[in-house]
Amino acid sequence: MKWDWSAVADFMPQFWDGLQVTLQALVLGSLISFVLGLVWALLMRTPTRWVRWPVGVVTEFVRNTPLLVQLFFLFYVLPEWGVTISALTTGVIGIGLHYSTYTMQVYRAGIEAVPPGQWEAATALNLSRRRTWTAVILPQAIRRVVPALGNYVISMLKDTPMLMVITVLDMLGQARLFSQQHFQFTEPLTVIGVAFIVISYLASLLLRTLERRLVR
């Protein structure tokens, strides 16, 4: 096997296109999972059983079915019901929805870790339920769960290549396309492998920085 630097140079334009798609899917998917996961967690704490039960069924179903199956369903089945969205949008929604069921459990653990005295103090100060959540409980809970949320971001990054199966040309999709066109596999696959390592490392550094700031 001989390494061909010219193949790397030829692959770079496609690599940058794929990198943009991968980062876009990662950032938007993470935002969806963080926001929706918090919504799930709050709904599961409502006293109304008719709210908790449907939320529990939906989140358990999503969490216990493969992401790949969900992507296929969103991309190939929904159009049969008249719902058609782009491949990238489908991927972002799919990965965000899937991981929201995991972040929900992270938020739940963070909320339960808040000392009972904080709830009692909020009650003693006659704070409204909304004010108690926004000013007392959630700031403390989110500070505790940042490391776990960061780990899920890295997991989402490693799952973005699944979007290739619904025609999204992320980094892996571009590498596969280049390899089929030029019959060179080692160079493009090595490039994206290194890219995933670098992105994961930079995300870890960002997470550690955020943790230190929140601890202060």
Foldseek 3Di string as FASTA:
>chain_A
DDDDVVLLVVLVVLLVVQAVLLVVLLVLLLVLLQVLLQVLLVQCPDPDPVSNVVSVVVLVVLQPDDLLVQLCCQDPVVVVVVDHDDLSVSSSVSSSSSNSSVVNVLLNVLQVPPDPVLVVVCVVVVHDPVCSVPPTRVLRSCLVRLVVSLVVSLVSSVVVVSSVVSVDCHLVNSLVVSCVVPVDRPSSVVVVVVVSVVVNVVSVVVSVVVNVVSVD
